[in-house]
Amino acid sequence: MPQTLSVAMITKNEEANLPRTLSSVRWADEITIVDCGSTDRTASIAESFGAKVFVHQPFPGHGEQKNVAIDHCTSDWVLLLDADEVISPELAEEIRKMLAGPAAHDAYWIPRLNLFLGRWMRHGGFYPDRKLRLFRRGSARLSEGVGPHSTPQFAGKPGVLRGDMLHYAYPALAPYIEHMNRYSTEMGKLAAPNKPSRSIFAFLWNVVLNPAATFGWNYFFRLGFLDGREGLLLHVYHSAYVSWKYAKAWEQRRGAK
C-alpha cells in the first residue's frame, strides 16, 4: 500500500511565490502551512490549493516555526519546503516511486538548485546544496535557537535523491541584500551570548579575513567564477554576509557590557 506524504511550510506574505510552489506539490496527500500573520493573499492562495492553514505568532524562530508545521502533519512522510522552493517534475516522480514501495531509508537529502539574478548557480559550493527535507514523520526535527539555516536532525543514515529542488531565491539584488541583512542580524544575536575574545586577531579573522577566505575558496577553488557576473556578485555579497553576522555579534556583546 502506498505511503502518504504531507508537505510542511511556513509563510509570511508569500503571495508572489506560493502559487508556483504549491502547483509543484498539489499531488501530495496533505499540505500544511503555518503562517506568521501575513497581510497579503497568502492564506487565501494556500486554501485555494486545499492547504490547511494555521496561524502561529509571534514568530519564535525558523527552526521553532518549522517544527510547529511538522507537528500539524498527519501523513506517513513529511516534505519540508520553503515558499520559494519548487519540486521539479523529476524529483516529484522520484518521491512518488519511493512512496509506492518500502523505502530504503527514513530520511533523504535533496539537491537544491539556486536561482540568483536569473541565473542558476551550478558552482562555487551552491550546487548540489543538498538539504535534508524528506523524512518519515517523527524521525526528524529541527534544532531550535540556531537561526534561519537550521537542518532537521536525523539519527540514522539518510539516502540521497537525484532530482532537483528548484530554489527561486533572489530575482534582484535588493531582496537578497535585505534577506542577508535580516539573517545576519538573527545570527549575530544568537552568537552574541558566546564568551567574547579580547584578541584583535580574532576580531580581524571573523570580520575581515574569514569573509575574504570564504570568497577566495568559493569563487576560485570551487569554480564560482564559472557562473559569470551573477556568480561574482553572489560570492561578493555572501562574503559580506559572513562579515556582517560576526560584526553584529561583536556589536551586541559590546552593547551588553
C-alpha atoms as a PDB file:
ATOM      1  CA  MET A   1       0.000   0.000   0.000  1.00  0.00           C
ATOM      2  CA  PRO A   2       1.465   3.408  -0.967  1.00  0.00           C
ATOM      3  CA  GLN A   3       2.572   5.627   1.897  1.00  0.00           C
ATOM      4  CA  THR A   4       1.169   9.140   2.310  1.00  0.00           C
ATOM      5  CA  LEU A   5       3.001  12.470   2.137  1.00  0.00           C
ATOM      6  CA  SER A   6       2.493  15.775   3.947  1.00  0.00           C
ATOM      7  CA  VAL A   7       4.118  18.973   2.708  1.00  0.00           C
ATOM      8  CA  ALA A   8       5.039  21.311   5.585  1.00  0.00           C
ATOM      9  CA  MET A   9       5.726  25.016   5.049  1.00  0.00           C
ATOM     10  CA  ILE A  10       5.978  28.281   6.977  1.00  0.00           C
ATOM     11  CA  THR A  11       4.953  31.578   5.392  1.00  0.00           C
ATOM     12  CA  LYS A  12       4.622  35.303   5.774  1.00  0.00           C
ATOM     13  CA  ASN A  13       3.463  37.459   2.851  1.00  0.00           C
ATOM     14  CA  GLU A  14       4.357  34.904   0.177  1.00  0.00           C
ATOM     15  CA  GLU A  15       1.595  35.563  -2.374  1.00  0.00           C
ATOM     16  CA  ALA A  16       4.178  36.059  -5.154  1.00  0.00           C
ATOM     17  CA  ASN A  17       5.862  32.678  -4.613  1.00  0.00           C
ATOM     18  CA  LEU A  18       3.113  30.452  -3.281  1.00  0.00           C
ATOM     19  CA  PRO A  19       1.190  29.545  -6.494  1.00  0.00           C
ATOM     20  CA  ARG A  20       4.367  28.285  -8.191  1.00  0.00           C
ATOM     21  CA  THR A  21       5.430  26.275  -5.153  1.00  0.00           C
ATOM     22  CA  LEU A  22       2.044  24.741  -4.377  1.00  0.00           C
ATOM     23  CA  SER A  23       1.473  23.825  -8.016  1.00  0.00           C
ATOM     24  CA  SER A  24       4.569  21.626  -7.834  1.00  0.00           C
ATOM     25  CA  VAL A  25       3.245  19.614  -4.853  1.00  0.00           C
ATOM     26  CA  ARG A  26      -0.503  19.502  -5.488  1.00  0.00           C
ATOM     27  CA  TRP A  27      -0.146  15.720  -5.885  1.00  0.00           C
ATOM     28  CA  ALA A  28       0.754  15.383  -2.177  1.00  0.00           C
ATOM     29  CA  ASP A  29      -1.810  13.931   0.228  1.00  0.00           C
ATOM     30  CA  GLU A  30      -1.695  16.934   2.551  1.00  0.00           C
ATOM     31  CA  ILE A  31      -0.278  20.463   2.539  1.00  0.00           C
ATOM     32  CA  THR A  32       0.173  22.100   5.941  1.00  0.00           C
ATOM     33  CA  ILE A  33       1.103  25.772   6.201  1.00  0.00           C
ATOM     34  CA  VAL A  34       1.919  27.688   9.386  1.00  0.00           C
ATOM     35  CA  ASP A  35       1.625  31.416   8.760  1.00  0.00           C
ATOM     36  CA  CYS A  36       3.042  34.262  10.828  1.00  0.00           C
ATOM     37  CA  GLY A  37       0.387  36.924  10.294  1.00  0.00           C
ATOM     38  CA  SER A  38       0.501  37.553   6.543  1.00  0.00           C
ATOM     39  CA  THR A  39      -1.220  40.750   5.399  1.00  0.00           C
ATOM     40  CA  ASP A  40      -1.427  39.759   1.705  1.00  0.00           C
ATOM     41  CA  ARG A  41      -3.298  36.909  -0.047  1.00  0.00           C
ATOM     42  CA  THR A  42      -1.046  34.129   1.282  1.00  0.00           C
ATOM     43  CA  ALA A  43      -3.804  32.389   3.253  1.00  0.00           C
ATOM     44  CA  SER A  44      -6.438  32.544   0.507  1.00  0.00           C
ATOM     45  CA  ILE A  45      -3.980  31.275  -2.121  1.00  0.00           C
ATOM     46  CA  ALA A  46      -2.958  28.397   0.145  1.00  0.00           C
ATOM     47  CA  GLU A  47      -6.575  27.449   0.811  1.00  0.00           C
ATOM     48  CA  SER A  48      -7.330  27.517  -2.934  1.00  0.00           C
ATOM     49  CA  PHE A  49      -4.813  24.653  -3.273  1.00  0.00           C
ATOM     50  CA  GLY A  50      -6.505  22.730  -0.473  1.00  0.00           C
ATOM     51  CA  ALA A  51      -3.844  23.528   2.108  1.00  0.00           C
ATOM     52  CA  LYS A  52      -4.527  23.553   5.841  1.00  0.00           C
ATOM     53  CA  VAL A  53      -3.502  26.970   7.173  1.00  0.00           C
ATOM     54  CA  PHE A  54      -2.614  27.615  10.814  1.00  0.00           C
ATOM     55  CA  VAL A  55      -1.577  30.976  12.260  1.00  0.00           C
ATOM     56  CA  HIS A  56       1.243  30.974  14.796  1.00  0.00           C
ATOM     57  CA  GLN A  57       2.695  34.249  16.066  1.00  0.00           C
ATOM     58  CA  PRO A  58       4.770  35.954  17.250  1.00  0.00           C
ATOM     59  CA  PHE A  59       7.492  34.347  15.173  1.00  0.00           C
ATOM     60  CA  PRO A  60       9.577  32.143  17.534  1.00  0.00           C
ATOM     61  CA  GLY A  61      12.466  31.443  15.121  1.00  0.00           C
ATOM     62  CA  HIS A  62      12.848  29.453  11.905  1.00  0.00           C
ATOM     63  CA  GLY A  63      13.506  26.077  13.495  1.00  0.00           C
ATOM     64  CA  GLU A  64      10.763  26.537  16.069  1.00  0.00           C
ATOM     65  CA  GLN A  65       8.175  27.627  13.485  1.00  0.00           C
ATOM     66  CA  LYS A  66       9.001  24.760  11.126  1.00  0.00           C
ATOM     67  CA  ASN A  67       8.617  22.300  13.993  1.00  0.00           C
ATOM     68  CA  VAL A  68       5.116  23.686  14.542  1.00  0.00           C
ATOM     69  CA  ALA A  69       4.334  22.975  10.872  1.00  0.00           C
ATOM     70  CA  ILE A  70       5.757  19.447  11.177  1.00  0.00           C
ATOM     71  CA  ASP A  71       3.627  18.813  14.270  1.00  0.00           C
ATOM     72  CA  HIS A  72       0.469  19.610  12.277  1.00  0.00           C
ATOM     73  CA  CYS A  73       1.289  16.957   9.635  1.00  0.00           C
ATOM     74  CA  THR A  74      -0.615  13.659   9.719  1.00  0.00           C
ATOM     75  CA  SER A  75       0.848  11.640   6.808  1.00  0.00           C
ATOM     76  CA  ASP A  76       3.488   8.898   6.883  1.00  0.00           C
ATOM     77  CA  TRP A  77       6.170  11.171   5.418  1.00  0.00           C
ATOM     78  CA  VAL A  78       6.959  14.887   5.645  1.00  0.00           C
ATOM     79  CA  LEU A  79       8.409  17.034   2.856  1.00  0.00           C
ATOM     80  CA  LEU A  80       9.655  20.318   4.292  1.00  0.00           C
ATOM     81  CA  LEU A  81       9.585  23.206   1.812  1.00  0.00           C
ATOM     82  CA  ASP A  82      10.222  26.941   1.805  1.00  0.00           C
ATOM     83  CA  ALA A  83       7.737  29.139  -0.029  1.00  0.00           C
ATOM     84  CA  ASP A  84      10.242  29.973  -2.780  1.00  0.00           C
ATOM     85  CA  GLU A  85      11.188  26.334  -3.485  1.00  0.00           C
ATOM     86  CA  VAL A  86       9.691  24.172  -6.230  1.00  0.00           C
ATOM     87  CA  ILE A  87       9.749  20.399  -6.616  1.00  0.00           C
ATOM     88  CA  SER A  88      10.908  19.591 -10.156  1.00  0.00           C
ATOM     89  CA  PRO A  89       8.907  17.002 -12.145  1.00  0.00           C
ATOM     90  CA  GLU A  90      11.881  14.613 -11.959  1.00  0.00           C
ATOM     91  CA  LEU A  91      12.050  14.915  -8.164  1.00  0.00           C
ATOM     92  CA  ALA A  92       8.273  14.545  -7.821  1.00  0.00           C
ATOM     93  CA  GLU A  93       8.363  11.302  -9.787  1.00  0.00           C
ATOM     94  CA  GLU A  94      11.283  10.041  -7.700  1.00  0.00           C
ATOM     95  CA  ILE A  95       9.430  10.766  -4.454  1.00  0.00           C
ATOM     96  CA  ARG A  96       6.248   9.087  -5.700  1.00  0.00           C
ATOM     97  CA  LYS A  97       8.203   5.952  -6.592  1.00  0.00           C
ATOM     98  CA  MET A  98       9.794   5.947  -3.149  1.00  0.00           C
ATOM     99  CA  LEU A  99       6.368   6.225  -1.503  1.00  0.00           C
ATOM    100  CA  ALA A 100       4.968   3.381  -3.623  1.00  0.00           C
ATOM    101  CA  GLY A 101       7.156   0.717  -2.018  1.00  0.00           C
ATOM    102  CA  PRO A 102       9.269   0.041   1.074  1.00  0.00           C
ATOM    103  CA  ALA A 103      11.704   2.941   1.461  1.00  0.00           C
ATOM    104  CA  ALA A 104      15.395   2.141   1.769  1.00  0.00           C
ATOM    105  CA  HIS A 105      15.887   4.998   4.252  1.00  0.00           C
ATOM    106  CA  ASP A 106      13.842   7.001   6.738  1.00  0.00           C
ATOM    107  CA  ALA A 107      15.153  10.368   5.523  1.00  0.00           C
ATOM    108  CA  TYR A 108      16.605  11.773   2.302  1.00  0.00           C
ATOM    109  CA  TRP A 109      18.900  14.562   1.177  1.00  0.00           C
ATOM    110  CA  ILE A 110      17.560  16.536  -1.795  1.00  0.00           C
ATOM    111  CA  PRO A 111      19.851  18.528  -4.136  1.00  0.00           C
ATOM    112  CA  ARG A 112      18.835  22.186  -4.420  1.00  0.00           C
ATOM    113  CA  LEU A 113      19.494  24.334  -7.488  1.00  0.00           C
ATOM    114  CA  ASN A 114      19.571  28.058  -6.658  1.00  0.00           C
ATOM    115  CA  LEU A 115      18.452  30.865  -8.969  1.00  0.00           C
ATOM    116  CA  PHE A 116      20.256  34.182  -8.481  1.00  0.00           C
ATOM    117  CA  LEU A 117      19.545  37.249 -10.643  1.00  0.00           C
ATOM    118  CA  GLY A 118      18.004  34.998 -13.300  1.00  0.00           C
ATOM    119  CA  ARG A 119      20.893  32.514 -13.494  1.00  0.00           C
ATOM    120  CA  TRP A 120      21.082  29.026 -11.996  1.00  0.00           C
ATOM    121  CA  MET A 121      24.141  28.739  -9.740  1.00  0.00           C
ATOM    122  CA  ARG A 122      25.911  25.441 -10.533  1.00  0.00           C
ATOM    123  CA  HIS A 123      29.349  26.080  -8.989  1.00  0.00           C
ATOM    124  CA  GLY A 124      31.092  27.697  -6.043  1.00  0.00           C
ATOM    125  CA  GLY A 125      29.557  25.419  -3.424  1.00  0.00           C
ATOM    126  CA  PHE A 126      25.994  26.442  -4.266  1.00  0.00           C
ATOM    127  CA  TYR A 127      25.218  23.165  -6.037  1.00  0.00           C
ATOM    128  CA  PRO A 128      24.184  20.479  -5.279  1.00  0.00           C
ATOM    129  CA  ASP A 129      23.495  22.329  -1.982  1.00  0.00           C
ATOM    130  CA  ARG A 130      21.798  19.236  -0.526  1.00  0.00           C
ATOM    131  CA  LYS A 131      19.088  19.733   2.086  1.00  0.00           C
ATOM    132  CA  LEU A 132      17.553  17.102   4.358  1.00  0.00           C
ATOM    133  CA  ARG A 133      13.893  17.825   3.637  1.00  0.00           C
ATOM    134  CA  LEU A 134      12.140  14.461   3.215  1.00  0.00           C
ATOM    135  CA  PHE A 135      11.747  12.197   6.219  1.00  0.00           C
ATOM    136  CA  ARG A 136       9.399   9.735   7.857  1.00  0.00           C
ATOM    137  CA  ARG A 137       7.109  11.621  10.246  1.00  0.00           C
ATOM    138  CA  GLY A 138       8.500  11.510  13.762  1.00  0.00           C
ATOM    139  CA  SER A 139      12.045  10.625  12.692  1.00  0.00           C
ATOM    140  CA  ALA A 140      13.487  14.141  12.359  1.00  0.00           C
ATOM    141  CA  ARG A 141      13.139  17.533  13.971  1.00  0.00           C
ATOM    142  CA  LEU A 142      14.795  20.900  13.533  1.00  0.00           C
ATOM    143  CA  SER A 143      17.169  22.309  16.111  1.00  0.00           C
ATOM    144  CA  GLU A 144      15.830  25.397  17.820  1.00  0.00           C
ATOM    145  CA  GLY A 145      17.689  28.599  18.566  1.00  0.00           C
ATOM    146  CA  VAL A 146      20.236  28.174  15.750  1.00  0.00           C
ATOM    147  CA  GLY A 147      18.962  30.679  13.189  1.00  0.00           C
ATOM    148  CA  PRO A 148      17.427  30.551   9.695  1.00  0.00           C
ATOM    149  CA  HIS A 149      19.622  27.756   8.316  1.00  0.00           C
ATOM    150  CA  SER A 150      18.649  25.002  10.737  1.00  0.00           C
ATOM    151  CA  THR A 151      18.801  21.442   9.358  1.00  0.00           C
ATOM    152  CA  PRO A 152      16.441  18.678  10.523  1.00  0.00           C
ATOM    153  CA  GLN A 153      18.255  16.388  12.935  1.00  0.00           C
ATOM    154  CA  PHE A 154      18.032  12.717  11.990  1.00  0.00           C
ATOM    155  CA  ALA A 155      19.703   9.897  13.929  1.00  0.00           C
ATOM    156  CA  GLY A 156      20.102   7.379  11.085  1.00  0.00           C
ATOM    157  CA  LYS A 157      21.851   7.405   7.718  1.00  0.00           C
ATOM    158  CA  PRO A 158      19.854   9.382   5.140  1.00  0.00           C
ATOM    159  CA  GLY A 159      19.564   8.429   1.497  1.00  0.00           C
ATOM    160  CA  VAL A 160      20.224  10.835  -1.378  1.00  0.00           C
ATOM    161  CA  LEU A 161      17.699  11.673  -4.085  1.00  0.00           C
ATOM    162  CA  ARG A 162      18.775  12.769  -7.575  1.00  0.00           C
ATOM    163  CA  GLY A 163      16.016  15.128  -8.732  1.00  0.00           C
ATOM    164  CA  ASP A 164      16.461  18.832  -8.051  1.00  0.00           C
ATOM    165  CA  MET A 165      14.529  21.098  -5.752  1.00  0.00           C
ATOM    166  CA  LEU A 166      14.454  24.465  -7.526  1.00  0.00           C
ATOM    167  CA  HIS A 167      15.101  27.485  -5.315  1.00  0.00           C
ATOM    168  CA  TYR A 168      13.741  30.681  -6.861  1.00  0.00           C
ATOM    169  CA  ALA A 169      15.758  32.648  -4.379  1.00  0.00           C
ATOM    170  CA  TYR A 170      16.624  36.162  -5.440  1.00  0.00           C
ATOM    171  CA  PRO A 171      15.410  37.728  -8.722  1.00  0.00           C
ATOM    172  CA  ALA A 172      17.068  41.048  -7.817  1.00  0.00           C
ATOM    173  CA  LEU A 173      19.829  42.350  -5.559  1.00  0.00           C
ATOM    174  CA  ALA A 174      17.558  44.339  -3.244  1.00  0.00           C
ATOM    175  CA  PRO A 175      15.690  41.338  -1.734  1.00  0.00           C
ATOM    176  CA  TYR A 176      18.952  39.392  -1.442  1.00  0.00           C
ATOM    177  CA  ILE A 177      20.673  42.177   0.497  1.00  0.00           C
ATOM    178  CA  GLU A 178      17.559  42.662   2.652  1.00  0.00           C
ATOM    179  CA  HIS A 179      17.450  38.939   3.480  1.00  0.00           C
ATOM    180  CA  MET A 180      21.152  38.733   4.244  1.00  0.00           C
ATOM    181  CA  ASN A 181      20.894  41.799   6.453  1.00  0.00           C
ATOM    182  CA  ARG A 182      17.978  40.231   8.350  1.00  0.00           C
ATOM    183  CA  TYR A 183      19.614  36.793   8.583  1.00  0.00           C
ATOM    184  CA  SER A 184      22.926  38.239   9.751  1.00  0.00           C
ATOM    185  CA  THR A 185      21.095  40.153  12.490  1.00  0.00           C
ATOM    186  CA  GLU A 186      19.431  36.943  13.659  1.00  0.00           C
ATOM    187  CA  MET A 187      22.700  35.012  13.555  1.00  0.00           C
ATOM    188  CA  GLY A 188      24.519  37.852  15.327  1.00  0.00           C
ATOM    189  CA  LYS A 189      22.017  37.755  18.184  1.00  0.00           C
ATOM    190  CA  LEU A 190      22.475  34.003  18.536  1.00  0.00           C
ATOM    191  CA  ALA A 191      26.270  34.279  18.564  1.00  0.00           C
ATOM    192  CA  ALA A 192      26.402  37.290  20.914  1.00  0.00           C
ATOM    193  CA  PRO A 193      25.979  35.363  24.227  1.00  0.00           C
ATOM    194  CA  ASN A 194      29.142  33.365  23.497  1.00  0.00           C
ATOM    195  CA  LYS A 195      32.167  34.409  25.528  1.00  0.00           C
ATOM    196  CA  PRO A 196      33.868  37.171  23.516  1.00  0.00           C
ATOM    197  CA  SER A 197      37.557  37.024  22.719  1.00  0.00           C
ATOM    198  CA  ARG A 198      39.592  40.120  23.512  1.00  0.00           C
ATOM    199  CA  SER A 199      42.086  39.265  20.802  1.00  0.00           C
ATOM    200  CA  ILE A 200      42.247  41.778  17.968  1.00  0.00           C
ATOM    201  CA  PHE A 201      43.307  38.901  15.717  1.00  0.00           C
ATOM    202  CA  ALA A 202      40.075  37.031  16.497  1.00  0.00           C
ATOM    203  CA  PHE A 203      38.107  40.155  15.572  1.00  0.00           C
ATOM    204  CA  LEU A 204      40.045  40.631  12.330  1.00  0.00           C
ATOM    205  CA  TRP A 205      39.678  36.948  11.439  1.00  0.00           C
ATOM    206  CA  ASN A 206      35.913  36.916  11.926  1.00  0.00           C
ATOM    207  CA  VAL A 207      35.089  40.277  10.343  1.00  0.00           C
ATOM    208  CA  VAL A 208      37.761  40.579   7.622  1.00  0.00           C
ATOM    209  CA  LEU A 209      39.925  37.518   6.978  1.00  0.00           C
ATOM    210  CA  ASN A 210      37.257  34.807   7.234  1.00  0.00           C
ATOM    211  CA  PRO A 211      34.953  36.590   4.747  1.00  0.00           C
ATOM    212  CA  ALA A 212      37.882  37.127   2.364  1.00  0.00           C
ATOM    213  CA  ALA A 213      38.901  33.473   2.670  1.00  0.00           C
ATOM    214  CA  THR A 214      35.291  32.402   2.083  1.00  0.00           C
ATOM    215  CA  PHE A 215      35.209  34.407  -1.142  1.00  0.00           C
ATOM    216  CA  GLY A 216      38.550  33.062  -2.372  1.00  0.00           C
ATOM    217  CA  TRP A 217      37.672  29.447  -1.605  1.00  0.00           C
ATOM    218  CA  ASN A 218      34.232  29.509  -3.205  1.00  0.00           C
ATOM    219  CA  TYR A 219      34.945  31.786  -6.156  1.00  0.00           C
ATOM    220  CA  PHE A 220      38.311  30.409  -7.274  1.00  0.00           C
ATOM    221  CA  PHE A 221      38.865  26.917  -5.834  1.00  0.00           C
ATOM    222  CA  ARG A 222      35.207  25.834  -6.067  1.00  0.00           C
ATOM    223  CA  LEU A 223      34.875  27.396  -9.541  1.00  0.00           C
ATOM    224  CA  GLY A 224      32.308  30.052  -8.676  1.00  0.00           C
ATOM    225  CA  PHE A 225      33.705  32.200 -11.487  1.00  0.00           C
ATOM    226  CA  LEU A 226      32.077  29.813 -13.990  1.00  0.00           C
ATOM    227  CA  ASP A 227      28.692  31.299 -13.039  1.00  0.00           C
ATOM    228  CA  GLY A 228      29.510  34.617 -14.706  1.00  0.00           C
ATOM    229  CA  ARG A 229      28.797  38.076 -13.338  1.00  0.00           C
ATOM    230  CA  GLU A 230      25.891  36.755 -11.325  1.00  0.00           C
ATOM    231  CA  GLY A 231      28.240  34.311  -9.611  1.00  0.00           C
ATOM    232  CA  LEU A 232      30.715  37.089  -8.850  1.00  0.00           C
ATOM    233  CA  LEU A 233      28.024  39.209  -7.204  1.00  0.00           C
ATOM    234  CA  LEU A 234      26.685  36.247  -5.235  1.00  0.00           C
ATOM    235  CA  HIS A 235      30.089  35.403  -3.780  1.00  0.00           C
ATOM    236  CA  VAL A 236      30.965  39.034  -3.025  1.00  0.00           C
ATOM    237  CA  TYR A 237      27.752  39.586  -1.100  1.00  0.00           C
ATOM    238  CA  HIS A 238      27.786  36.173   0.561  1.00  0.00           C
ATOM    239  CA  SER A 239      31.208  37.055   1.954  1.00  0.00           C
ATOM    240  CA  ALA A 240      29.778  40.367   3.151  1.00  0.00           C
ATOM    241  CA  TYR A 241      27.062  38.403   4.974  1.00  0.00           C
ATOM    242  CA  VAL A 242      29.752  36.399   6.788  1.00  0.00           C
ATOM    243  CA  SER A 243      31.352  39.668   7.916  1.00  0.00           C
ATOM    244  CA  TRP A 244      28.036  41.221   8.939  1.00  0.00           C
ATOM    245  CA  LYS A 245      26.975  38.388  11.240  1.00  0.00           C
ATOM    246  CA  TYR A 246      30.248  38.453  13.186  1.00  0.00           C
ATOM    247  CA  ALA A 247      30.309  42.261  13.325  1.00  0.00           C
ATOM    248  CA  LYS A 248      26.740  42.277  14.644  1.00  0.00           C
ATOM    249  CA  ALA A 249      27.603  39.676  17.279  1.00  0.00           C
ATOM    250  CA  TRP A 250      30.521  41.859  18.385  1.00  0.00           C
ATOM    251  CA  GLU A 251      28.240  44.902  18.447  1.00  0.00           C
ATOM    252  CA  GLN A 252      25.676  43.023  20.552  1.00  0.00           C
ATOM    253  CA  ARG A 253      28.321  41.933  23.049  1.00  0.00           C
ATOM    254  CA  ARG A 254      29.791  45.417  23.257  1.00  0.00           C
ATOM    255  CA  GLY A 255      26.363  46.902  23.940  1.00  0.00           C
ATOM    256  CA  ALA A 256      25.719  44.363  26.693  1.00  0.00           C
ATOM    257  CA  LYS A 257      28.749  45.452  28.735  1.00  0.00           C
END
